[in-house]
């Protein structure tokens, strides 16, 4: 038969098991109550960043910022003002539409300028001196402008980016003598000016100092 000590030990184990079950039930009940009563945050501001510039919509003063641009605290990009100009002035020999070798560098400079600003169109103005027939001089001034256009095309400039106008002897250059005036009047001129703004981009691991 089971003695008194064994009966007491069995009752103690049953009592401890009951206590553990009660504690576990209370803990689970407390968790479920806490979960059901957890506070829910109410979002009032727009925390999205539609243009992905790092500034949320709620305080972004410049929507649609170019991706990768340097921005200020208001989400506005920084811009760099660009101003550039190139002038061409080529003198020709009497009754000639051949570009003198000493002026080839001017054609090359203009070609480089046009390659840097691919949207510009250049107007070449051809002129002649008052020596000879006016109709002939008008045609000669156009041939001179065409000679410069052909030189630009050979350097990679599209034909539709170059326009020519022949003025003949209509606008002679005034000088101390008629001979000097005639020399300076046999010319082709062009003037191109560019003013624009460019967005400053952030430096990245892909940025190269040699990038153009």
N, C-alpha and C. Protein backbone atom coordinates (compact mmCIF):
# COMPACT_ATOMS: atom_id res chain seq x y z
N UNK A 1 0.84 -1.20 0.00
CA UNK A 1 0.00 0.00 0.00
C UNK A 1 0.88 1.25 0.00
N UNK A 2 0.34 2.35 -0.57
CA UNK A 2 1.08 3.62 -0.67
C UNK A 2 1.09 4.28 0.70
N UNK A 3 2.29 4.63 1.11
CA UNK A 3 2.39 5.27 2.41
C UNK A 3 2.00 6.75 2.33
N UNK A 4 1.99 7.45 3.41
CA UNK A 4 1.52 8.84 3.48
C UNK A 4 2.42 9.78 2.70
N UNK A 5 3.73 9.50 2.75
CA UNK A 5 4.67 10.39 2.04
C UNK A 5 4.46 10.34 0.54
N UNK A 6 4.22 9.12 0.01
CA UNK A 6 4.02 8.99 -1.42
C UNK A 6 2.74 9.69 -1.85
N UNK A 7 1.68 9.55 -1.01
CA UNK A 7 0.44 10.23 -1.36
C UNK A 7 0.62 11.75 -1.35
N UNK A 8 1.38 12.26 -0.42
CA UNK A 8 1.62 13.70 -0.34
C UNK A 8 2.41 14.20 -1.54
N UNK A 9 3.42 13.43 -1.96
CA UNK A 9 4.24 13.82 -3.11
C UNK A 9 3.41 13.87 -4.37
N UNK A 10 2.50 12.87 -4.53
CA UNK A 10 1.66 12.86 -5.73
C UNK A 10 0.74 14.05 -5.77
N UNK A 11 0.15 14.40 -4.63
CA UNK A 11 -0.74 15.55 -4.57
C UNK A 11 0.01 16.85 -4.86
N UNK A 12 1.28 16.93 -4.39
CA UNK A 12 2.08 18.14 -4.61
C UNK A 12 2.36 18.34 -6.09
N UNK A 13 2.68 17.19 -6.77
CA UNK A 13 2.97 17.33 -8.22
C UNK A 13 1.72 17.77 -8.97
N UNK A 14 0.57 17.23 -8.62
CA UNK A 14 -0.67 17.64 -9.27
C UNK A 14 -0.97 19.12 -9.00
N UNK A 15 -0.69 19.56 -7.78
CA UNK A 15 -0.95 20.97 -7.44
C UNK A 15 -0.05 21.90 -8.23
N UNK A 16 1.24 21.50 -8.36
CA UNK A 16 2.18 22.33 -9.12
C UNK A 16 1.79 22.39 -10.59
N UNK A 17 1.35 21.27 -11.14
CA UNK A 17 0.92 21.26 -12.55
C UNK A 17 -0.26 22.18 -12.75
N UNK A 18 -1.20 22.17 -11.83
CA UNK A 18 -2.36 23.04 -11.93
C UNK A 18 -1.96 24.50 -11.87
N UNK A 19 -1.01 24.80 -10.99
CA UNK A 19 -0.55 26.19 -10.86
C UNK A 19 0.10 26.67 -12.16
N UNK A 20 0.95 25.80 -12.75
CA UNK A 20 1.62 26.16 -14.01
C UNK A 20 0.60 26.39 -15.12
N UNK A 21 -0.44 25.54 -15.18
CA UNK A 21 -1.46 25.70 -16.21
C UNK A 21 -2.21 27.01 -16.04
N UNK A 22 -2.49 27.37 -14.80
CA UNK A 22 -3.21 28.63 -14.53
C UNK A 22 -2.35 29.82 -14.94
N UNK A 23 -1.05 29.78 -14.60
CA UNK A 23 -0.14 30.89 -14.96
C UNK A 23 -0.03 31.04 -16.46
N UNK A 24 0.10 29.88 -17.17
CA UNK A 24 0.21 29.91 -18.63
C UNK A 24 -1.05 30.50 -19.25
N UNK A 25 -2.20 30.14 -18.74
CA UNK A 25 -3.46 30.66 -19.27
C UNK A 25 -3.56 32.16 -19.07
N UNK A 26 -3.11 32.64 -17.87
CA UNK A 26 -3.15 34.08 -17.61
C UNK A 26 -2.21 34.84 -18.54
N UNK A 27 -1.01 34.27 -18.78
CA UNK A 27 -0.05 34.93 -19.67
C UNK A 27 -0.61 35.05 -21.08
N UNK A 28 -1.18 33.93 -21.59
CA UNK A 28 -1.76 33.95 -22.94
C UNK A 28 -2.92 34.93 -23.01
N UNK A 29 -3.71 34.96 -22.00
CA UNK A 29 -4.84 35.89 -21.98
C UNK A 29 -4.35 37.33 -21.97
N UNK A 30 -3.28 37.59 -21.22
CA UNK A 30 -2.74 38.94 -21.18
C UNK A 30 -2.17 39.36 -22.52
N UNK A 31 -1.54 38.43 -23.25
CA UNK A 31 -0.98 38.74 -24.56
C UNK A 31 -2.09 39.07 -25.54
N UNK A 32 -3.16 38.29 -25.50
CA UNK A 32 -4.24 38.53 -26.46
C UNK A 32 -4.91 39.87 -26.18
N UNK A 33 -5.01 40.25 -24.92
CA UNK A 33 -5.62 41.52 -24.56
C UNK A 33 -4.74 42.67 -25.02
N UNK A 34 -3.41 42.51 -24.80
CA UNK A 34 -2.50 43.57 -25.19
C UNK A 34 -2.50 43.76 -26.69
N UNK A 35 -2.55 42.64 -27.44
CA UNK A 35 -2.53 42.74 -28.89
C UNK A 35 -3.78 43.42 -29.41
N UNK A 36 -4.92 43.12 -28.84
CA UNK A 36 -6.16 43.71 -29.33
C UNK A 36 -6.27 45.18 -28.96
N UNK A 37 -5.53 45.60 -27.93
CA UNK A 37 -5.61 46.99 -27.48
C UNK A 37 -4.41 47.83 -27.90
N UNK A 38 -3.55 47.30 -28.81
CA UNK A 38 -2.36 48.04 -29.25
C UNK A 38 -2.77 49.30 -29.99
N UNK A 39 -2.10 50.46 -29.73
CA UNK A 39 -2.47 51.72 -30.39
C UNK A 39 -2.15 51.68 -31.88
N UNK A 40 -2.99 52.29 -32.70
CA UNK A 40 -2.81 52.36 -34.15
C UNK A 40 -2.41 53.78 -34.52
N UNK A 41 -1.25 53.92 -35.21
CA UNK A 41 -0.76 55.24 -35.60
C UNK A 41 -1.58 55.79 -36.77
N UNK A 42 -1.96 57.03 -36.69
CA UNK A 42 -2.70 57.69 -37.76
C UNK A 42 -1.74 58.56 -38.56
N UNK A 43 -1.60 58.27 -39.88
CA UNK A 43 -0.69 59.00 -40.75
C UNK A 43 -1.39 60.21 -41.37
N UNK A 44 -0.89 61.40 -41.09
CA UNK A 44 -1.50 62.62 -41.61
C UNK A 44 -0.72 63.18 -42.80
N UNK A 45 0.64 63.07 -42.81
CA UNK A 45 1.46 63.63 -43.88
C UNK A 45 1.80 62.57 -44.92
N UNK A 46 2.09 63.06 -46.14
CA UNK A 46 2.48 62.17 -47.24
C UNK A 46 3.98 61.89 -47.13
N UNK A 47 4.32 60.68 -46.71
CA UNK A 47 5.72 60.32 -46.52
C UNK A 47 6.33 59.69 -47.78
N UNK A 48 5.58 59.67 -48.86
CA UNK A 48 6.10 59.11 -50.10
C UNK A 48 7.11 60.08 -50.73
N UNK A 49 7.94 59.57 -51.61
CA UNK A 49 8.93 60.37 -52.33
C UNK A 49 8.82 60.02 -53.81
N UNK A 50 7.87 60.65 -54.49
CA UNK A 50 7.54 60.27 -55.86
C UNK A 50 8.70 60.47 -56.83
N UNK A 51 9.47 61.55 -56.65
CA UNK A 51 10.56 61.78 -57.60
C UNK A 51 11.89 61.20 -57.12
N UNK A 52 11.84 60.49 -55.98
CA UNK A 52 13.00 59.74 -55.46
C UNK A 52 14.24 60.61 -55.30
N UNK A 53 14.03 61.83 -54.78
CA UNK A 53 15.18 62.71 -54.58
C UNK A 53 15.64 62.75 -53.13
N UNK A 54 14.98 61.96 -52.26
CA UNK A 54 15.36 61.91 -50.86
C UNK A 54 14.58 62.85 -49.98
N UNK A 55 13.66 63.64 -50.57
CA UNK A 55 12.82 64.57 -49.80
C UNK A 55 11.37 64.14 -49.98
N UNK A 56 10.65 63.92 -48.86
CA UNK A 56 9.28 63.41 -48.95
C UNK A 56 8.36 64.44 -49.60
N UNK A 57 7.26 63.95 -50.17
CA UNK A 57 6.32 64.81 -50.87
C UNK A 57 5.79 65.94 -50.01
N UNK A 58 5.62 65.65 -48.69
CA UNK A 58 5.01 66.63 -47.80
C UNK A 58 5.80 67.93 -47.71
N UNK A 59 7.12 67.89 -47.95
CA UNK A 59 7.93 69.11 -47.88
C UNK A 59 8.79 69.31 -49.12
N UNK A 60 8.45 68.63 -50.21
CA UNK A 60 9.18 68.78 -51.47
C UNK A 60 8.62 69.97 -52.24
N UNK A 61 9.42 71.03 -52.38
CA UNK A 61 8.96 72.25 -53.07
C UNK A 61 9.15 72.17 -54.58
N UNK A 62 9.87 71.17 -55.06
CA UNK A 62 10.14 71.03 -56.50
C UNK A 62 9.84 69.60 -56.91
N UNK A 63 8.68 69.40 -57.49
CA UNK A 63 8.32 68.06 -57.94
C UNK A 63 9.04 67.72 -59.24
N UNK A 64 9.29 66.45 -59.45
CA UNK A 64 9.90 66.01 -60.70
C UNK A 64 11.37 66.34 -60.81
N UNK A 65 12.09 66.39 -59.69
CA UNK A 65 13.52 66.65 -59.74
C UNK A 65 14.22 65.55 -60.54
N UNK A 66 15.14 65.90 -61.46
CA UNK A 66 15.85 64.88 -62.24
C UNK A 66 16.58 63.90 -61.33
N UNK A 67 16.49 62.62 -61.65
CA UNK A 67 17.12 61.59 -60.83
C UNK A 67 18.63 61.77 -60.81
N UNK A 68 19.21 61.78 -59.61
CA UNK A 68 20.66 61.91 -59.48
C UNK A 68 21.15 63.33 -59.33
N UNK A 69 20.23 64.32 -59.32
CA UNK A 69 20.63 65.72 -59.22
C UNK A 69 20.98 66.08 -57.79
N UNK A 70 21.88 67.04 -57.65
CA UNK A 70 22.18 67.61 -56.33
C UNK A 70 20.99 68.48 -55.92
N UNK A 71 20.47 68.27 -54.70
CA UNK A 71 19.28 68.99 -54.25
C UNK A 71 19.54 69.69 -52.93
N UNK A 72 18.70 70.70 -52.63
CA UNK A 72 18.77 71.36 -51.33
C UNK A 72 17.73 70.76 -50.39
N UNK A 73 17.54 71.37 -49.22
CA UNK A 73 16.61 70.82 -48.22
C UNK A 73 15.15 70.86 -48.67
N UNK A 74 14.85 71.67 -49.66
CA UNK A 74 13.48 71.77 -50.16
C UNK A 74 13.22 70.82 -51.33
N UNK A 75 14.22 70.02 -51.70
CA UNK A 75 14.04 69.08 -52.80
C UNK A 75 14.21 69.71 -54.17
N UNK A 76 14.84 70.88 -54.25
CA UNK A 76 15.05 71.56 -55.53
C UNK A 76 16.49 71.33 -56.00
N UNK A 77 16.64 71.08 -57.29
CA UNK A 77 17.96 70.79 -57.83
C UNK A 77 18.79 72.06 -58.02
N UNK A 78 20.10 71.89 -58.00
CA UNK A 78 21.01 73.00 -58.26
C UNK A 78 21.31 73.04 -59.75
N UNK A 79 21.36 74.25 -60.31
CA UNK A 79 21.59 74.41 -61.74
C UNK A 79 22.81 75.29 -61.99
N UNK A 80 23.55 74.93 -63.04
CA UNK A 80 24.73 75.67 -63.45
C UNK A 80 24.43 76.41 -64.74
N UNK A 81 24.62 77.73 -64.73
CA UNK A 81 24.38 78.54 -65.92
C UNK A 81 25.56 78.42 -66.88
N UNK A 82 25.25 78.14 -68.14
CA UNK A 82 26.27 77.96 -69.17
C UNK A 82 26.08 79.04 -70.24
N UNK A 83 27.16 79.73 -70.56
CA UNK A 83 27.13 80.72 -71.63
C UNK A 83 28.37 80.52 -72.49
N UNK A 84 28.16 80.34 -73.79
CA UNK A 84 29.28 80.09 -74.70
C UNK A 84 29.03 80.80 -76.02
N UNK A 85 30.13 81.14 -76.70
CA UNK A 85 30.01 81.87 -77.95
C UNK A 85 31.18 81.49 -78.86
N UNK A 86 30.90 81.45 -80.16
CA UNK A 86 31.95 81.20 -81.13
C UNK A 86 31.72 82.08 -82.36
N UNK A 87 32.73 82.79 -82.77
CA UNK A 87 32.65 83.67 -83.94
C UNK A 87 33.59 83.14 -85.03
N UNK A 88 33.11 83.19 -86.25
CA UNK A 88 33.92 82.76 -87.39
C UNK A 88 34.07 83.93 -88.35
N UNK A 89 35.29 84.15 -88.80
CA UNK A 89 35.57 85.24 -89.75
C UNK A 89 36.70 84.78 -90.67
N UNK A 90 36.35 84.47 -91.91
CA UNK A 90 37.32 83.96 -92.89
C UNK A 90 37.42 84.94 -94.05
N UNK A 91 38.67 85.27 -94.41
CA UNK A 91 38.92 86.16 -95.54
C UNK A 91 39.34 85.34 -96.76
N UNK A 92 38.88 85.75 -97.93
CA UNK A 92 39.17 85.04 -99.18
C UNK A 92 39.99 85.92 -100.13
N UNK A 93 40.70 85.24 -101.01
CA UNK A 93 41.45 85.97 -102.05
C UNK A 93 40.47 86.49 -103.10
N UNK A 94 40.93 87.42 -103.90
CA UNK A 94 40.10 88.01 -104.94
C UNK A 94 39.60 86.94 -105.91
N UNK A 95 38.29 86.96 -106.18
CA UNK A 95 37.64 86.04 -107.11
C UNK A 95 37.90 84.57 -106.76
N UNK A 96 37.92 84.25 -105.45
CA UNK A 96 38.20 82.88 -105.01
C UNK A 96 37.18 82.46 -103.94
N UNK A 97 36.82 81.18 -103.98
CA UNK A 97 35.95 80.61 -102.95
C UNK A 97 36.69 79.51 -102.17
N UNK A 98 38.00 79.48 -102.29
CA UNK A 98 38.81 78.49 -101.58
C UNK A 98 39.20 79.04 -100.22
N UNK A 99 38.99 78.23 -99.18
CA UNK A 99 39.34 78.66 -97.82
C UNK A 99 40.86 78.66 -97.68
N UNK A 100 41.48 79.78 -97.36
CA UNK A 100 42.93 79.81 -97.14
C UNK A 100 43.34 78.90 -95.98
N UNK A 101 44.51 78.30 -96.09
CA UNK A 101 44.98 77.37 -95.06
C UNK A 101 45.05 78.01 -93.68
N UNK A 102 45.31 79.30 -93.63
CA UNK A 102 45.44 79.99 -92.35
C UNK A 102 44.11 80.11 -91.60
N UNK A 103 42.99 79.82 -92.29
CA UNK A 103 41.66 79.94 -91.66
C UNK A 103 41.00 78.58 -91.40
N UNK A 104 41.68 77.49 -91.73
CA UNK A 104 41.11 76.15 -91.49
C UNK A 104 40.83 75.93 -90.00
N UNK A 105 41.69 76.48 -89.14
CA UNK A 105 41.52 76.30 -87.69
C UNK A 105 40.20 76.91 -87.22
N UNK A 106 39.77 78.00 -87.85
CA UNK A 106 38.49 78.61 -87.45
C UNK A 106 37.32 77.68 -87.77
N UNK A 107 37.41 77.02 -88.90
CA UNK A 107 36.36 76.06 -89.26
C UNK A 107 36.33 74.91 -88.26
N UNK A 108 37.50 74.43 -87.87
CA UNK A 108 37.59 73.33 -86.89
C UNK A 108 37.03 73.75 -85.54
N UNK A 109 37.30 74.98 -85.13
CA UNK A 109 36.78 75.47 -83.85
C UNK A 109 35.25 75.53 -83.88
N UNK A 110 34.70 76.00 -84.97
CA UNK A 110 33.24 76.08 -85.09
C UNK A 110 32.62 74.68 -85.09
N UNK A 111 33.28 73.74 -85.76
CA UNK A 111 32.77 72.36 -85.79
C UNK A 111 32.75 71.76 -84.39
N UNK A 112 33.80 72.00 -83.60
CA UNK A 112 33.83 71.50 -82.22
C UNK A 112 32.73 72.14 -81.39
N UNK A 113 32.53 73.41 -81.59
CA UNK A 113 31.48 74.12 -80.85
C UNK A 113 30.11 73.52 -81.17
N UNK A 114 29.85 73.25 -82.43
CA UNK A 114 28.56 72.69 -82.84
C UNK A 114 28.38 71.26 -82.34
N UNK A 115 29.47 70.53 -82.17
CA UNK A 115 29.38 69.17 -81.63
C UNK A 115 29.09 69.20 -80.13
N UNK A 116 29.53 70.26 -79.47
CA UNK A 116 29.25 70.40 -78.03
C UNK A 116 27.80 70.77 -77.78
N UNK A 117 27.23 71.55 -78.69
CA UNK A 117 25.83 71.97 -78.57
C UNK A 117 25.10 71.50 -79.82
N UNK A 118 24.63 70.27 -79.75
CA UNK A 118 24.15 69.57 -80.95
C UNK A 118 22.83 70.10 -81.50
N UNK A 119 22.19 71.01 -80.80
CA UNK A 119 20.88 71.50 -81.25
C UNK A 119 20.98 72.83 -82.01
N UNK A 120 22.13 73.47 -82.01
CA UNK A 120 22.23 74.78 -82.64
C UNK A 120 22.36 74.67 -84.16
N UNK A 121 21.88 75.70 -84.85
CA UNK A 121 21.99 75.81 -86.31
C UNK A 121 22.80 77.08 -86.60
N UNK A 122 23.78 76.95 -87.49
CA UNK A 122 24.66 78.07 -87.81
C UNK A 122 24.26 78.70 -89.14
N UNK A 123 24.29 80.02 -89.19
CA UNK A 123 24.04 80.75 -90.43
C UNK A 123 25.35 81.37 -90.91
N UNK A 124 25.79 80.94 -92.09
CA UNK A 124 27.02 81.46 -92.69
C UNK A 124 26.68 82.59 -93.65
N UNK A 125 27.28 83.75 -93.44
CA UNK A 125 27.03 84.92 -94.27
C UNK A 125 28.22 85.17 -95.20
N UNK A 126 27.98 85.09 -96.50
CA UNK A 126 29.04 85.30 -97.47
C UNK A 126 29.00 86.70 -98.06
N UNK A 127 30.18 87.27 -98.32
CA UNK A 127 30.28 88.63 -98.86
C UNK A 127 31.33 88.68 -99.96
N UNK A 128 31.31 89.76 -100.73
CA UNK A 128 32.29 90.01 -101.78
C UNK A 128 32.66 91.49 -101.77
N UNK A 129 33.76 91.81 -102.43
CA UNK A 129 34.15 93.22 -102.56
C UNK A 129 33.35 93.86 -103.70
N UNK A 130 33.52 95.15 -103.86
CA UNK A 130 32.77 95.87 -104.89
C UNK A 130 33.46 95.78 -106.26
N UNK A 131 34.54 94.99 -106.34
CA UNK A 131 35.25 94.83 -107.60
C UNK A 131 34.48 93.85 -108.49
N UNK A 132 34.12 94.26 -109.70
CA UNK A 132 33.46 93.36 -110.63
C UNK A 132 31.96 93.59 -110.71
N UNK A 133 31.29 92.64 -111.36
CA UNK A 133 29.83 92.73 -111.60
C UNK A 133 29.06 92.36 -110.32
N UNK A 134 28.04 93.13 -109.97
CA UNK A 134 27.27 92.85 -108.74
C UNK A 134 26.63 91.46 -108.73
N UNK A 135 26.07 91.03 -109.85
CA UNK A 135 25.44 89.70 -109.90
C UNK A 135 26.49 88.60 -109.73
N UNK A 136 27.62 88.78 -110.33
CA UNK A 136 28.71 87.80 -110.19
C UNK A 136 29.17 87.76 -108.74
N UNK A 137 29.31 88.92 -108.14
CA UNK A 137 29.76 88.98 -106.74
C UNK A 137 28.75 88.34 -105.79
N UNK A 138 27.46 88.45 -106.11
CA UNK A 138 26.44 87.80 -105.28
C UNK A 138 26.60 86.29 -105.33
N UNK A 139 26.81 85.76 -106.54
CA UNK A 139 27.01 84.32 -106.68
C UNK A 139 28.31 83.89 -106.00
N UNK A 140 29.35 84.73 -106.13
CA UNK A 140 30.64 84.41 -105.50
C UNK A 140 30.50 84.37 -103.98
N UNK A 141 29.74 85.27 -103.40
CA UNK A 141 29.55 85.28 -101.94
C UNK A 141 28.85 84.00 -101.48
N UNK A 142 27.93 83.49 -102.29
CA UNK A 142 27.25 82.23 -101.93
C UNK A 142 28.21 81.04 -102.04
N UNK A 143 29.09 81.06 -103.05
CA UNK A 143 30.06 79.98 -103.18
C UNK A 143 31.02 79.95 -101.99
N UNK A 144 31.40 81.11 -101.55
CA UNK A 144 32.28 81.18 -100.38
C UNK A 144 31.60 80.60 -99.13
N UNK A 145 30.34 80.96 -98.93
CA UNK A 145 29.61 80.41 -97.78
C UNK A 145 29.44 78.91 -97.92
N UNK A 146 29.19 78.44 -99.15
CA UNK A 146 29.06 77.00 -99.39
C UNK A 146 30.36 76.26 -99.14
N UNK A 147 31.49 76.91 -99.43
CA UNK A 147 32.79 76.29 -99.19
C UNK A 147 32.99 76.03 -97.69
N UNK A 148 32.58 76.97 -96.87
CA UNK A 148 32.70 76.79 -95.42
C UNK A 148 31.72 75.71 -94.94
N UNK A 149 30.53 75.71 -95.51
CA UNK A 149 29.56 74.67 -95.15
C UNK A 149 30.10 73.28 -95.48
N UNK A 150 30.68 73.11 -96.65
CA UNK A 150 31.25 71.82 -97.04
C UNK A 150 32.36 71.39 -96.08
N UNK A 151 33.17 72.36 -95.64
CA UNK A 151 34.24 72.05 -94.69
C UNK A 151 33.68 71.59 -93.35
N UNK A 152 32.58 72.19 -92.92
CA UNK A 152 31.94 71.76 -91.66
C UNK A 152 31.35 70.36 -91.79
N UNK A 153 30.75 70.09 -92.93
CA UNK A 153 30.17 68.76 -93.17
C UNK A 153 31.26 67.69 -93.13
N UNK A 154 32.42 67.99 -93.71
CA UNK A 154 33.53 67.04 -93.71
C UNK A 154 34.01 66.75 -92.29
N UNK A 155 33.76 67.67 -91.36
CA UNK A 155 34.16 67.48 -89.97
C UNK A 155 33.03 66.91 -89.12
N UNK A 156 31.98 66.42 -89.77
CA UNK A 156 30.95 65.69 -89.05
C UNK A 156 29.69 66.46 -88.72
N UNK A 157 29.53 67.66 -89.25
CA UNK A 157 28.33 68.45 -88.98
C UNK A 157 27.27 68.13 -90.03
N UNK A 158 26.05 67.88 -89.58
CA UNK A 158 24.96 67.56 -90.51
C UNK A 158 24.64 68.77 -91.40
N UNK A 159 24.34 68.55 -92.69
CA UNK A 159 24.04 69.66 -93.60
C UNK A 159 22.86 70.51 -93.15
N UNK A 160 21.85 69.89 -92.50
CA UNK A 160 20.67 70.65 -92.11
C UNK A 160 20.93 71.59 -90.93
N UNK A 161 22.13 71.55 -90.37
CA UNK A 161 22.48 72.44 -89.27
C UNK A 161 23.25 73.67 -89.75
N UNK A 162 23.43 73.78 -91.04
CA UNK A 162 24.18 74.92 -91.59
C UNK A 162 23.35 75.60 -92.69
N UNK A 163 23.11 76.89 -92.52
CA UNK A 163 22.40 77.67 -93.53
C UNK A 163 23.36 78.70 -94.12
N UNK A 164 23.14 79.02 -95.38
CA UNK A 164 24.01 80.01 -96.02
C UNK A 164 23.17 81.16 -96.58
N UNK A 165 23.76 82.35 -96.55
CA UNK A 165 23.15 83.54 -97.15
C UNK A 165 24.25 84.30 -97.88
N UNK A 166 24.01 84.64 -99.12
CA UNK A 166 24.97 85.44 -99.87
C UNK A 166 24.53 86.89 -99.94
N UNK A 167 25.40 87.81 -99.51
CA UNK A 167 25.07 89.23 -99.52
C UNK A 167 25.78 89.98 -100.65
N UNK A 168 26.64 89.27 -101.38
CA UNK A 168 27.36 89.94 -102.46
C UNK A 168 28.20 91.10 -101.93
N UNK A 169 28.13 92.24 -102.61
CA UNK A 169 28.90 93.43 -102.22
C UNK A 169 28.05 94.42 -101.42
N UNK A 170 26.95 93.92 -100.85
CA UNK A 170 25.99 94.82 -100.19
C UNK A 170 26.51 95.44 -98.90
N UNK A 171 27.51 94.82 -98.24
CA UNK A 171 27.95 95.32 -96.94
C UNK A 171 29.48 95.36 -96.89
N UNK A 172 30.10 96.26 -97.61
CA UNK A 172 31.56 96.32 -97.64
C UNK A 172 32.13 96.83 -96.31
N UNK A 173 33.35 96.41 -96.02
CA UNK A 173 34.05 96.88 -94.82
C UNK A 173 34.77 98.17 -95.14
N UNK A 174 34.56 99.21 -94.37
CA UNK A 174 35.21 100.50 -94.59
C UNK A 174 36.61 100.47 -93.98
N UNK A 175 37.60 100.89 -94.75
CA UNK A 175 38.98 100.92 -94.30
C UNK A 175 39.64 102.20 -94.78
N UNK A 176 40.94 102.33 -94.49
CA UNK A 176 41.67 103.56 -94.84
C UNK A 176 41.86 103.70 -96.35
N UNK A 177 41.88 102.58 -97.05
CA UNK A 177 42.02 102.64 -98.51
C UNK A 177 41.03 101.68 -99.15
N UNK A 178 40.79 101.88 -100.45
CA UNK A 178 39.87 100.99 -101.16
C UNK A 178 40.43 99.59 -101.24
N UNK A 179 41.74 99.48 -101.40
CA UNK A 179 42.36 98.15 -101.47
C UNK A 179 42.15 97.38 -100.17
N UNK A 180 42.37 98.04 -99.04
CA UNK A 180 42.14 97.39 -97.75
C UNK A 180 40.66 97.03 -97.57
N UNK A 181 39.78 97.92 -98.02
CA UNK A 181 38.35 97.65 -97.92
C UNK A 181 37.98 96.40 -98.73
N UNK A 182 38.54 96.26 -99.93
CA UNK A 182 38.25 95.11 -100.78
C UNK A 182 38.75 93.81 -100.13
N UNK A 183 39.95 93.86 -99.54
CA UNK A 183 40.53 92.67 -98.90
C UNK A 183 39.66 92.21 -97.73
N UNK A 184 39.22 93.14 -96.92
CA UNK A 184 38.43 92.81 -95.72
C UNK A 184 36.98 92.44 -96.06
N UNK A 185 36.51 92.87 -97.23
CA UNK A 185 35.12 92.61 -97.60
C UNK A 185 34.91 91.21 -98.17
N UNK A 186 35.95 90.56 -98.66
CA UNK A 186 35.84 89.21 -99.23
C UNK A 186 35.87 88.21 -98.08
N UNK A 187 34.71 87.91 -97.53
CA UNK A 187 34.68 87.19 -96.26
C UNK A 187 33.45 86.31 -96.12
N UNK A 188 33.53 85.40 -95.13
CA UNK A 188 32.39 84.63 -94.63
C UNK A 188 32.41 84.75 -93.12
N UNK A 189 31.27 85.10 -92.55
CA UNK A 189 31.20 85.28 -91.10
C UNK A 189 30.07 84.45 -90.50
N UNK A 190 30.20 84.18 -89.23
CA UNK A 190 29.15 83.50 -88.47
C UNK A 190 29.35 83.83 -87.00
N UNK A 191 28.26 83.93 -86.26
CA UNK A 191 28.33 84.19 -84.83
C UNK A 191 27.27 83.33 -84.14
N UNK A 192 27.72 82.52 -83.19
CA UNK A 192 26.81 81.62 -82.48
C UNK A 192 26.97 81.83 -80.99
N UNK A 193 25.85 82.02 -80.30
CA UNK A 193 25.87 82.20 -78.85
C UNK A 193 24.87 81.27 -78.20
N UNK A 194 25.30 80.66 -77.12
CA UNK A 194 24.45 79.70 -76.40
C UNK A 194 24.35 80.11 -74.94
N UNK A 195 23.13 80.16 -74.42
CA UNK A 195 22.89 80.40 -73.01
C UNK A 195 21.89 79.36 -72.52
N UNK A 196 22.28 78.60 -71.52
CA UNK A 196 21.40 77.56 -71.00
C UNK A 196 21.79 77.22 -69.58
N UNK A 197 20.97 76.42 -68.94
CA UNK A 197 21.26 75.96 -67.58
C UNK A 197 21.33 74.45 -67.58
N UNK A 198 22.19 73.94 -66.71
CA UNK A 198 22.41 72.50 -66.64
C UNK A 198 22.29 72.05 -65.19
N UNK A 199 21.57 70.96 -64.95
CA UNK A 199 21.39 70.44 -63.60
C UNK A 199 22.70 69.82 -63.12
N UNK A 200 23.11 70.17 -61.90
CA UNK A 200 24.31 69.61 -61.31
C UNK A 200 23.98 68.22 -60.75
N UNK A 201 24.71 67.21 -61.19
CA UNK A 201 24.46 65.84 -60.75
C UNK A 201 25.36 65.45 -59.59
N UNK A 202 24.87 64.52 -58.77
CA UNK A 202 25.65 64.01 -57.66
C UNK A 202 26.81 63.15 -58.18
N UNK A 203 27.89 63.11 -57.40
CA UNK A 203 28.99 62.22 -57.70
C UNK A 203 28.58 60.81 -57.32
N UNK A 204 28.84 59.85 -58.19
CA UNK A 204 28.56 58.45 -57.88
C UNK A 204 29.80 57.61 -58.16
N UNK A 205 29.73 56.34 -57.83
CA UNK A 205 30.87 55.46 -58.08
C UNK A 205 31.11 55.26 -59.56
N UNK A 206 30.11 55.65 -60.37
CA UNK A 206 30.26 55.51 -61.82
C UNK A 206 30.76 56.80 -62.47
N UNK A 207 30.88 57.89 -61.69
CA UNK A 207 31.33 59.15 -62.25
C UNK A 207 32.78 59.06 -62.64
N UNK A 208 33.10 59.61 -63.82
CA UNK A 208 34.47 59.60 -64.30
C UNK A 208 34.91 61.02 -64.61
N UNK A 209 36.12 61.35 -64.25
CA UNK A 209 36.64 62.70 -64.51
C UNK A 209 36.82 62.94 -66.00
N UNK A 210 36.85 61.86 -66.79
CA UNK A 210 37.03 62.00 -68.23
C UNK A 210 35.71 62.01 -68.97
N UNK A 211 34.58 61.91 -68.23
CA UNK A 211 33.28 61.88 -68.89
C UNK A 211 33.00 63.20 -69.56
N UNK A 212 32.35 63.14 -70.74
CA UNK A 212 32.05 64.34 -71.51
C UNK A 212 30.55 64.55 -71.57
